[in-house]
Protein backbone atom coordinates (compact mmCIF):
# COMPACT_ATOMS: atom_id res chain seq x y z
CA MET A 1 -96.31 -63.63 31.10
CA THR A 2 -96.69 -61.68 34.14
CA ASP A 3 -92.63 -61.09 34.72
CA LEU A 4 -92.33 -59.74 31.11
CA LEU A 5 -95.88 -57.27 31.52
CA LEU A 6 -94.59 -56.15 34.70
CA SER A 7 -91.23 -55.36 33.16
CA MET A 8 -93.16 -53.66 30.38
CA ILE A 9 -94.98 -51.63 33.22
CA GLY A 10 -91.52 -50.59 35.24
CA LEU A 11 -89.52 -49.55 31.76
CA ALA A 12 -93.10 -47.48 30.73
CA LEU A 13 -93.33 -45.37 34.17
CA LEU A 14 -89.37 -45.05 34.50
CA ILE A 15 -89.71 -43.72 30.69
CA ILE A 16 -92.63 -41.00 32.12
CA LEU A 17 -90.39 -40.53 34.84
CA ILE A 18 -87.61 -39.69 32.75
CA PHE A 19 -89.76 -37.35 30.76
CA LEU A 20 -90.57 -35.21 33.56
CA LEU A 21 -87.95 -34.95 35.32
CA ARG A 22 -85.66 -34.19 32.26
CA LYS A 23 -85.11 -30.76 33.02
CA THR A 24 -83.43 -31.52 35.52
CA ILE A 25 -81.94 -34.85 34.98
CA PHE A 26 -79.95 -33.79 32.01
CA PRO A 27 -78.39 -30.57 33.36
CA LEU A 28 -77.16 -32.41 36.49
CA ILE A 29 -76.12 -35.47 33.44
CA ARG A 30 -74.00 -32.36 32.16
CA LEU A 31 -73.26 -31.08 35.32
CA TRP A 32 -71.45 -33.80 36.02
CA TYR A 33 -69.39 -34.58 32.65
CA ILE A 34 -68.26 -31.13 32.92
CA ILE A 35 -66.64 -32.10 36.45
CA LEU A 36 -65.48 -35.54 35.34
CA VAL A 37 -63.82 -33.64 32.06
CA HIS A 38 -63.18 -30.06 33.14
CA GLY A 39 -63.20 -30.00 36.99
CA ARG A 40 -64.89 -27.63 38.73
CA LEU A 41 -62.45 -23.96 38.17
CA SER A 42 -62.46 -24.36 34.63
CA PHE A 43 -64.57 -22.00 32.21
CA GLU A 44 -66.80 -25.26 31.87
CA PHE A 45 -68.12 -25.70 34.93
CA ILE A 46 -68.87 -21.79 35.74
CA ASP A 47 -69.93 -21.24 32.39
CA PHE A 48 -72.63 -23.97 33.07
CA PHE A 49 -74.27 -21.54 36.11
CA LYS A 50 -74.01 -18.64 33.72
CA GLU A 51 -76.41 -19.59 31.29
CA LYS A 52 -78.66 -21.40 33.84
CA ASN A 53 -78.51 -17.62 35.11
CA LEU A 54 -77.21 -19.08 38.83
CA ARG A 55 -74.80 -17.95 41.24
CA ASN A 56 -71.30 -18.37 40.46
CA PRO A 57 -69.92 -21.13 42.57
CA VAL A 58 -66.71 -19.99 43.37
CA ASN A 59 -65.33 -16.51 44.36
CA ASN A 60 -65.64 -13.60 42.10
CA CYS A 61 -61.97 -11.74 41.74
CA ILE A 62 -63.38 -8.40 40.54
CA ARG A 63 -67.21 -7.09 41.29
CA ASP A 64 -67.00 -4.83 37.69
CA GLU A 65 -66.27 -6.17 34.30
CA ILE A 66 -63.48 -8.25 32.69
CA THR A 67 -64.18 -5.49 29.46
CA LEU A 68 -63.29 -3.33 31.58
CA HIS A 69 -59.58 -3.92 32.61
CA PHE A 70 -58.72 -4.59 28.77
CA MET A 71 -60.50 -1.21 27.53
CA VAL A 72 -58.71 1.57 29.66
CA PHE A 73 -55.39 0.36 27.63
CA TYR A 74 -57.36 1.52 24.23
CA HIS A 75 -59.39 4.75 25.80
CA LYS A 76 -56.32 6.46 27.75
CA SER A 77 -57.46 8.70 29.83
CA LYS A 78 -56.56 11.99 28.67
CA THR A 79 -54.89 13.49 31.66
CA ALA A 80 -52.71 9.97 32.11
CA VAL A 81 -49.26 9.95 31.57
CA SER A 82 -48.03 8.21 28.69
CA LEU A 83 -43.95 7.01 29.20
CA THR A 84 -41.71 4.31 27.71
CA THR A 85 -39.21 2.27 29.34
CA GLN A 86 -35.97 0.07 27.87
CA GLN A 87 -36.90 -2.50 30.58
CA LYS A 88 -38.70 -5.73 29.53
CA ILE A 89 -42.65 -5.54 31.58
CA GLU A 90 -43.32 -8.74 33.02
CA PHE A 91 -46.11 -9.92 35.40
CA THR A 92 -44.12 -11.89 38.44
CA GLU A 93 -42.65 -14.54 37.47
CA VAL A 94 -45.41 -15.93 35.43
CA PRO A 95 -44.53 -15.65 31.77
CA PHE A 96 -46.93 -14.62 29.56
CA MET A 97 -48.97 -17.15 26.66
CA ILE A 98 -49.12 -19.85 29.42
CA ARG A 99 -52.15 -22.06 29.54
CA TYR A 100 -54.24 -22.05 32.18
CA ARG A 101 -53.03 -25.46 33.46
CA GLU A 102 -49.90 -24.13 33.68
CA LEU A 103 -50.66 -21.21 35.99
CA ARG A 104 -52.66 -23.73 38.46
CA ARG A 105 -49.45 -26.19 38.19
CA MET A 106 -46.94 -23.18 39.30
CA ARG A 107 -49.42 -21.28 41.83
CA GLY A 108 -52.31 -24.03 42.61
CA ASP A 109 -55.82 -23.77 42.70
CA PRO A 110 -56.99 -20.27 42.63
CA TYR A 111 -58.95 -18.55 44.89
CA CYS A 112 -61.61 -16.58 42.91
CA ILE A 113 -62.80 -16.81 38.85
CA ASN A 114 -64.55 -14.67 36.78
CA ILE A 115 -65.90 -15.40 32.68
CA THR A 116 -67.15 -13.57 29.87
CA ARG A 117 -66.66 -14.30 26.33
CA PHE A 118 -65.01 -11.08 23.81
CA ASP A 119 -67.86 -12.35 20.80
CA GLN A 120 -66.73 -16.16 20.65
CA HIS A 121 -63.85 -16.19 21.85
CA ARG A 122 -63.15 -16.51 25.80
CA VAL A 123 -61.86 -14.80 28.35
CA ILE A 124 -61.29 -16.63 32.22
CA VAL A 125 -59.90 -14.44 35.41
CA VAL A 126 -58.21 -16.76 37.94
CA GLY A 127 -56.78 -14.61 41.18
CA TYR A 128 -54.22 -15.17 44.30
CA ASN A 129 -54.40 -14.10 47.61
CA ASP A 130 -50.52 -12.58 47.67
CA GLN A 131 -48.32 -10.34 50.12
CA ILE A 132 -45.71 -8.20 49.19
CA GLN A 133 -43.80 -6.66 51.50
CA LYS A 134 -46.58 -7.71 54.08
CA ILE A 135 -48.79 -5.52 51.78
CA ARG A 136 -51.82 -7.75 51.30
CA LEU A 137 -53.63 -7.99 47.42
CA LYS A 138 -54.65 -9.87 45.06
CA SER A 139 -52.83 -11.21 41.67
CA LEU A 140 -55.56 -11.56 38.56
CA PHE A 141 -54.22 -13.54 35.71
CA TYR A 142 -56.33 -13.42 32.45
CA PHE A 143 -56.48 -15.79 29.45
CA PHE A 144 -57.78 -15.24 26.41
CA ASN A 145 -58.17 -18.89 24.44
CA ASP A 146 -56.53 -20.33 27.23
CA ARG A 147 -53.55 -17.98 27.24
CA PHE A 148 -52.24 -15.88 29.71
CA VAL A 149 -52.50 -11.99 27.99
CA LEU A 150 -53.02 -9.80 31.08
CA GLY A 151 -51.87 -9.11 34.60
CA GLU A 152 -53.18 -7.27 37.39
CA TYR A 153 -52.33 -6.86 41.18
CA LEU A 154 -55.53 -5.22 42.75
CA LEU A 155 -55.02 -3.28 45.86
CA GLN A 156 -58.00 -3.01 47.85
CA ASP A 157 -57.35 -1.87 51.13
CA THR A 158 -55.15 1.68 50.89
CA SER A 159 -55.67 3.06 54.83
CA ARG A 160 -52.79 1.42 55.69
CA ILE A 161 -50.20 1.95 53.08
CA SER A 162 -49.15 5.62 51.66
CA THR A 163 -50.32 4.85 48.08
CA ASP A 164 -47.14 6.00 46.49
CA PHE A 165 -45.11 2.99 48.18
CA ILE A 166 -46.78 1.28 44.49
CA ALA A 167 -46.05 3.87 42.13
CA GLU A 168 -42.40 4.39 43.44
CA SER A 169 -41.96 1.13 43.13
CA ILE A 170 -42.93 0.89 39.25
CA ALA A 171 -40.85 4.09 39.05
CA ALA A 172 -37.77 2.54 40.07
CA LYS A 173 -38.09 -0.48 38.08
CA TYR A 174 -38.73 0.68 34.74
CA LEU A 175 -38.51 4.21 34.78
CA GLU A 176 -35.21 4.95 36.64
CA GLY A 177 -36.67 5.78 39.98
CA LYS A 178 -38.62 9.41 38.01
CA LYS A 179 -42.24 9.06 39.51
CA PRO A 180 -44.87 10.01 37.44
CA GLU A 181 -47.19 12.94 38.32
CA GLY A 182 -51.36 11.68 38.91
CA ASP A 183 -53.06 8.76 39.71
CA MET A 184 -53.11 7.51 36.58
CA PHE A 185 -49.95 6.59 34.00
CA TYR A 186 -48.91 4.47 30.93
CA ILE A 187 -45.29 2.68 30.50
CA THR A 188 -44.86 0.99 27.46
CA ASP A 189 -41.18 -1.82 26.76
CA PRO A 190 -40.23 -1.97 23.12
CA ARG A 191 -41.76 -4.74 22.64
CA GLY A 192 -45.15 -3.05 23.38
CA ASN A 193 -46.13 -4.46 26.25
CA CYS A 194 -48.12 -2.00 28.28
CA ILE A 195 -48.41 -1.22 32.22
CA ASN A 196 -51.32 1.15 33.50
CA TYR A 197 -51.16 2.00 36.75
CA GLU A 198 -54.60 3.73 38.09
CA TYR A 199 -55.62 4.88 41.87
CA ASN A 200 -58.93 5.63 42.25
CA GLY A 201 -59.19 7.37 45.74
CA PHE A 202 -60.34 3.88 46.78
CA SER A 203 -57.66 1.55 44.89
CA ILE A 204 -55.27 0.70 43.52
CA ALA A 205 -54.91 -1.70 40.49
CA VAL A 206 -51.56 -1.68 38.26
CA ARG A 207 -52.46 -3.99 35.02
CA TYR A 208 -49.58 -5.29 32.71
CA LEU A 209 -50.62 -6.14 28.83
CA TYR A 210 -49.00 -8.18 26.69
CA LYS A 211 -48.48 -7.56 22.77
CA GLY A 212 -46.26 -10.30 21.39
CA ASP A 213 -49.40 -12.37 19.80
CA PRO A 214 -50.29 -10.49 16.56
CA GLU A 215 -53.48 -12.37 16.65
CA VAL A 216 -54.25 -11.43 19.80
CA ASN A 217 -53.23 -7.79 18.91
CA GLU A 218 -55.58 -7.94 15.58
CA PHE A 219 -58.52 -9.00 18.05
CA LEU A 220 -58.62 -6.41 20.93
CA ASP A 221 -57.24 -3.58 18.66
CA SER A 222 -60.62 -4.63 16.58
CA PHE A 223 -62.72 -4.96 19.13
CA PHE A 224 -61.97 -2.40 21.64
CA THR A 225 -61.38 0.11 18.28
CA LYS A 226 -65.35 1.23 18.47
CA ASN A 227 -67.00 1.26 14.26
CA LYS A 228 -69.34 -0.20 12.56
CA GLU A 229 -68.34 -4.28 12.81
CA THR A 230 -67.14 -4.05 16.22
CA GLU A 231 -69.10 -1.66 18.09
CA GLY A 232 -72.07 -3.98 19.16
CA GLY A 233 -70.05 -7.04 19.82
CA PHE A 234 -68.03 -4.85 22.55
CA PHE A 235 -71.08 -3.43 23.88
CA ARG A 236 -73.09 -6.69 24.14
CA SER A 237 -70.26 -8.34 25.90
CA LEU A 238 -70.43 -6.10 28.54
CA ARG A 239 -74.20 -5.71 28.65
CA GLU A 240 -74.47 -9.79 29.08
CA GLU A 241 -71.16 -9.84 31.57
CA GLU A 242 -72.49 -6.89 33.41
CA LEU A 243 -76.44 -8.32 34.23
CA TYR A 244 -74.17 -11.82 35.17
CA ASN A 245 -72.08 -9.99 37.95
CA ARG A 246 -75.56 -8.34 39.15
CA PHE A 247 -77.83 -11.08 39.43
């Protein structure tokens, strides 16, 4: 009888303890499940910390908002030059539309990760530290619903190279060596894939947007085109991502 009473008291104390610590225990159990099923370099893992307003435990790839890196293709500067090429636009040796897991098999674990949502669609950016002819840069891969749709080279230190070097290299491959004038230009291939080159005085970004998937195109076109139905979703996503990056 005494053993039964002690067991009941112990069970009651355990229940009370779990109740008091539920805000700590349950999230830890959920986090353990996420790590076990998805891993520490997943959208789910980073999203857990974002949801709890905690600092991203993995390095950030970019300091500004992911949305801005897409938006340059949909709200082009009036001073930017737009050109065409007959060459197929590609980003590194990685084919567009592969999944994040496939990229990790090809390139290994990424150095940095950012995430956001475009409405209910998941967007994750993963990056690697690379070199091109001894020039240090980041290679960034943007996945929309786990499909690679946007690549970017980011050179944050231009003090050791000529700023014309990258633009001239792009021109040699896609424009028969004819370098465009100005600090921003676009190149589009026959499939609609597009390159955006931008030098802001401090860093150089070269972005490669894939336009070969009709469903992705339809959503991005509507999401980044201002109208009464989609404007709210775009600015809500931009605002939420800005707050997350800031804090």
